Amino acid sequence: MKVLSQFESKGNIELLSQSTVAVFASKNAPEDLYLPASELFLALCKLPLSLCGGWQAPLEKRLLNLAYPEMTANILYYSARDIGQISPGEKLKALDIFGKLLLISAESRTNRASSNDIDKRDALLFKHVDKVLFIYIERGGRLEEYYNQLLGRDFPVFIFDHEHNKSFNSPGSIALNTENIDLLLTS
């Protein structure tokens, strides 16, 4: 059972009752990772789950832009800003019309997200998700810290099976690719 904390939301709240997978990519993901990551994300869109994230890093934004209303998966968009300050673009509006979107905020009251707001957003996201998929982790960054913390708690952690992530293939994490993507549903 998911533990819910206080938050504000807009959209289809029922999406929180699905299996939830956080999708993360560090902001400096190599360009040659974009195409294979996009192929993986399109495969994720065919699964019955909610894909969660802050969708802020360039690769995360690119992946979110691949979402489409007719997909099986849904999108949970966790904002580090006040939910009233979020102005969804056409892509998100289309997902919302089809009941495929939930915007969530940890009740921030700022227009510009601070480091503290990002920490609150991520803490809320981790309370809601069942599994985490790291598309790319940059050494020494916030995502490497999350990766290590989650592994230490025996949390279901997946890492995109790509050459750039080889150093993060460790006991406790599951290397994920388009061939074994169903592991997200069974693990």
Protein backbone atom coordinates (compact mmCIF):
# COMPACT_ATOMS: atom_id res chain seq x y z
CA MET A 1 0.00 0.00 0.00
CA LYS A 2 1.32 3.42 -0.95
CA VAL A 3 1.83 5.99 1.79
CA LEU A 4 0.45 9.33 0.65
CA SER A 5 1.61 12.63 2.06
CA GLN A 6 0.03 16.02 1.79
CA PHE A 7 0.15 17.33 -1.78
CA GLU A 8 -1.82 19.26 -4.36
CA SER A 9 -2.85 17.76 -7.65
CA LYS A 10 -4.64 18.44 -10.93
CA GLY A 11 -5.81 15.73 -13.26
CA ASN A 12 -6.70 12.08 -12.86
CA ILE A 13 -5.95 11.16 -9.20
CA GLU A 14 -6.84 7.52 -9.96
CA LEU A 15 -3.47 7.19 -11.72
CA LEU A 16 -1.80 6.91 -8.30
CA SER A 17 -3.52 3.55 -7.81
CA GLN A 18 -1.62 1.99 -10.72
CA SER A 19 1.82 0.49 -10.56
CA THR A 20 4.15 3.51 -10.56
CA VAL A 21 7.65 3.77 -11.99
CA ALA A 22 9.80 6.87 -11.53
CA VAL A 23 11.92 7.71 -14.58
CA PHE A 24 15.14 9.67 -13.99
CA ALA A 25 17.98 10.90 -16.19
CA SER A 26 20.82 13.19 -15.14
CA LYS A 27 20.88 16.55 -16.88
CA ASN A 28 24.12 15.90 -18.80
CA ALA A 29 23.08 12.68 -20.56
CA PRO A 30 25.23 11.99 -23.63
CA GLU A 31 23.56 12.70 -26.99
CA ASP A 32 24.11 9.12 -28.20
CA LEU A 33 21.85 7.94 -25.37
CA TYR A 34 18.81 9.89 -26.61
CA LEU A 35 17.73 7.54 -29.41
CA PRO A 36 17.98 4.25 -27.45
CA ALA A 37 16.39 5.92 -24.41
CA SER A 38 13.53 7.10 -26.63
CA GLU A 39 13.02 3.56 -27.93
CA LEU A 40 12.89 2.28 -24.34
CA PHE A 41 10.43 5.01 -23.33
CA LEU A 42 8.11 4.23 -26.25
CA ALA A 43 8.12 0.60 -25.09
CA LEU A 44 7.29 1.81 -21.55
CA CYS A 45 4.32 3.72 -22.99
CA LYS A 46 2.76 0.39 -23.99
CA LEU A 47 2.72 -0.94 -20.40
CA PRO A 48 -0.15 -0.61 -17.89
CA LEU A 49 1.60 1.66 -15.39
CA SER A 50 2.11 5.27 -14.43
CA LEU A 51 5.42 6.83 -15.44
CA CYS A 52 6.49 9.39 -12.83
CA GLY A 53 9.06 12.13 -12.69
CA GLY A 54 9.93 15.78 -12.45
CA TRP A 55 10.61 15.73 -16.20
CA GLN A 56 13.18 18.53 -15.87
CA ALA A 57 16.47 17.21 -17.29
CA PRO A 58 16.82 17.61 -21.07
CA LEU A 59 16.53 13.85 -21.73
CA GLU A 60 13.54 13.57 -19.37
CA LYS A 61 11.83 16.43 -21.25
CA ARG A 62 12.52 14.72 -24.56
CA LEU A 63 11.02 11.47 -23.26
CA LEU A 64 7.94 13.20 -21.89
CA ASN A 65 7.43 14.79 -25.29
CA LEU A 66 7.11 11.25 -26.74
CA ALA A 67 4.03 10.54 -24.60
CA TYR A 68 0.79 10.35 -26.56
CA PRO A 69 -2.87 10.21 -25.51
CA GLU A 70 -3.57 6.74 -26.93
CA MET A 71 -0.74 5.07 -25.01
CA THR A 72 -1.47 2.47 -22.33
CA ALA A 73 0.81 4.10 -19.72
CA ASN A 74 -0.03 7.29 -17.86
CA ILE A 75 2.08 10.25 -16.77
CA LEU A 76 2.54 11.58 -13.24
CA TYR A 77 4.25 14.97 -13.38
CA TYR A 78 5.81 15.97 -10.04
CA SER A 79 6.52 19.69 -9.87
CA ALA A 80 8.90 21.43 -7.50
CA ARG A 81 6.86 24.62 -8.03
CA ASP A 82 3.42 25.69 -6.89
CA ILE A 83 0.89 23.72 -8.91
CA GLY A 84 -0.95 26.95 -9.73
CA GLN A 85 2.18 28.16 -11.52
CA ILE A 86 2.33 25.19 -13.88
CA SER A 87 1.23 26.01 -17.40
CA PRO A 88 0.89 22.70 -19.25
CA GLY A 89 1.85 22.72 -22.91
CA GLU A 90 -0.25 21.21 -25.68
CA LYS A 91 1.20 17.72 -25.16
CA LEU A 92 0.25 17.66 -21.47
CA LYS A 93 -3.17 19.17 -22.18
CA ALA A 94 -3.87 16.35 -24.65
CA LEU A 95 -2.83 13.75 -22.06
CA ASP A 96 -5.09 15.43 -19.50
CA ILE A 97 -8.10 15.38 -21.85
CA PHE A 98 -7.64 11.60 -22.21
CA GLY A 99 -7.31 11.13 -18.41
CA LYS A 100 -3.65 10.18 -18.80
CA LEU A 101 -2.10 12.93 -16.65
CA LEU A 102 -1.78 13.83 -13.00
CA LEU A 103 0.14 16.97 -11.99
CA ILE A 104 1.41 16.79 -8.41
CA SER A 105 3.10 19.36 -6.18
CA ALA A 106 4.37 19.11 -2.62
CA GLU A 107 2.58 22.38 -1.90
CA SER A 108 5.44 24.66 -2.80
CA ARG A 109 4.59 28.35 -2.81
CA THR A 110 7.40 29.54 -5.05
CA ASN A 111 7.47 30.43 -8.71
CA ARG A 112 11.06 29.32 -9.14
CA ALA A 113 12.03 25.98 -7.63
CA SER A 114 14.78 26.06 -5.01
CA SER A 115 16.96 23.12 -4.01
CA ASN A 116 14.70 22.67 -0.98
CA ASP A 117 11.62 22.53 -3.26
CA ILE A 118 13.30 19.89 -5.41
CA ASP A 119 14.11 17.85 -2.29
CA LYS A 120 10.45 18.07 -1.18
CA ARG A 121 9.24 17.08 -4.65
CA ASP A 122 11.56 14.09 -4.82
CA ALA A 123 10.68 12.96 -1.28
CA LEU A 124 7.00 13.02 -2.23
CA LEU A 125 7.68 11.15 -5.46
CA PHE A 126 9.58 8.42 -3.60
CA LYS A 127 6.63 7.98 -1.24
CA HIS A 128 4.34 7.32 -4.20
CA VAL A 129 6.41 5.14 -6.52
CA ASP A 130 6.77 1.36 -6.54
CA LYS A 131 9.94 1.20 -8.66
CA VAL A 132 12.61 3.50 -10.05
CA LEU A 133 14.18 3.41 -13.51
CA PHE A 134 17.39 5.35 -14.03
CA ILE A 135 17.90 6.11 -17.73
CA TYR A 136 21.24 7.79 -17.08
CA ILE A 137 23.20 8.60 -13.92
CA GLU A 138 26.00 11.13 -13.85
CA ARG A 139 28.74 10.38 -11.33
CA GLY A 140 28.70 12.59 -8.25
CA GLY A 141 25.20 13.93 -8.80
CA ARG A 142 21.86 13.78 -7.03
CA LEU A 143 20.76 10.70 -9.00
CA GLU A 144 23.82 8.69 -7.98
CA GLU A 145 22.95 9.50 -4.37
CA TYR A 146 19.35 8.35 -4.92
CA TYR A 147 20.54 5.20 -6.66
CA ASN A 148 22.77 4.22 -3.75
CA GLN A 149 20.13 5.07 -1.12
CA LEU A 150 17.47 3.02 -2.88
CA LEU A 151 19.76 0.02 -3.31
CA GLY A 152 20.55 0.21 0.40
CA ARG A 153 16.84 -0.05 1.18
CA ASP A 154 16.24 -3.03 -1.13
CA PHE A 155 13.93 -0.87 -3.24
CA PRO A 156 13.21 -2.13 -6.80
CA VAL A 157 15.83 -0.28 -8.85
CA PHE A 158 16.22 -0.59 -12.61
CA ILE A 159 19.03 0.84 -14.70
CA PHE A 160 18.82 1.32 -18.47
CA ASP A 161 21.00 -1.39 -20.01
CA HIS A 162 23.35 0.84 -21.99
CA GLU A 163 27.11 1.22 -22.22
CA HIS A 164 26.96 4.61 -20.45
CA ASN A 165 25.43 2.94 -17.37
CA LYS A 166 27.71 -0.12 -17.11
CA SER A 167 29.37 1.16 -13.94
CA PHE A 168 25.95 1.17 -12.25
CA ASN A 169 25.13 -2.47 -13.00
CA SER A 170 25.46 -3.74 -9.47
CA PRO A 171 23.87 -6.38 -7.25
CA GLY A 172 20.40 -5.22 -6.35
CA SER A 173 19.71 -3.34 -9.56
CA ILE A 174 18.12 -4.81 -12.68
CA ALA A 175 19.47 -3.91 -16.13
CA LEU A 176 16.45 -3.05 -18.27
CA ASN A 177 16.11 -2.88 -22.04
CA THR A 178 13.34 -3.26 -24.63
CA GLU A 179 13.81 -7.05 -24.63
CA ASN A 180 13.09 -7.53 -20.90
CA ILE A 181 10.86 -4.52 -20.23
CA ASP A 182 8.11 -6.76 -18.82
CA LEU A 183 10.29 -7.11 -15.70
CA LEU A 184 8.80 -3.78 -14.64
CA LEU A 185 5.46 -5.55 -14.32
CA THR A 186 6.70 -8.69 -12.58
CA SER A 187 9.55 -7.53 -10.30
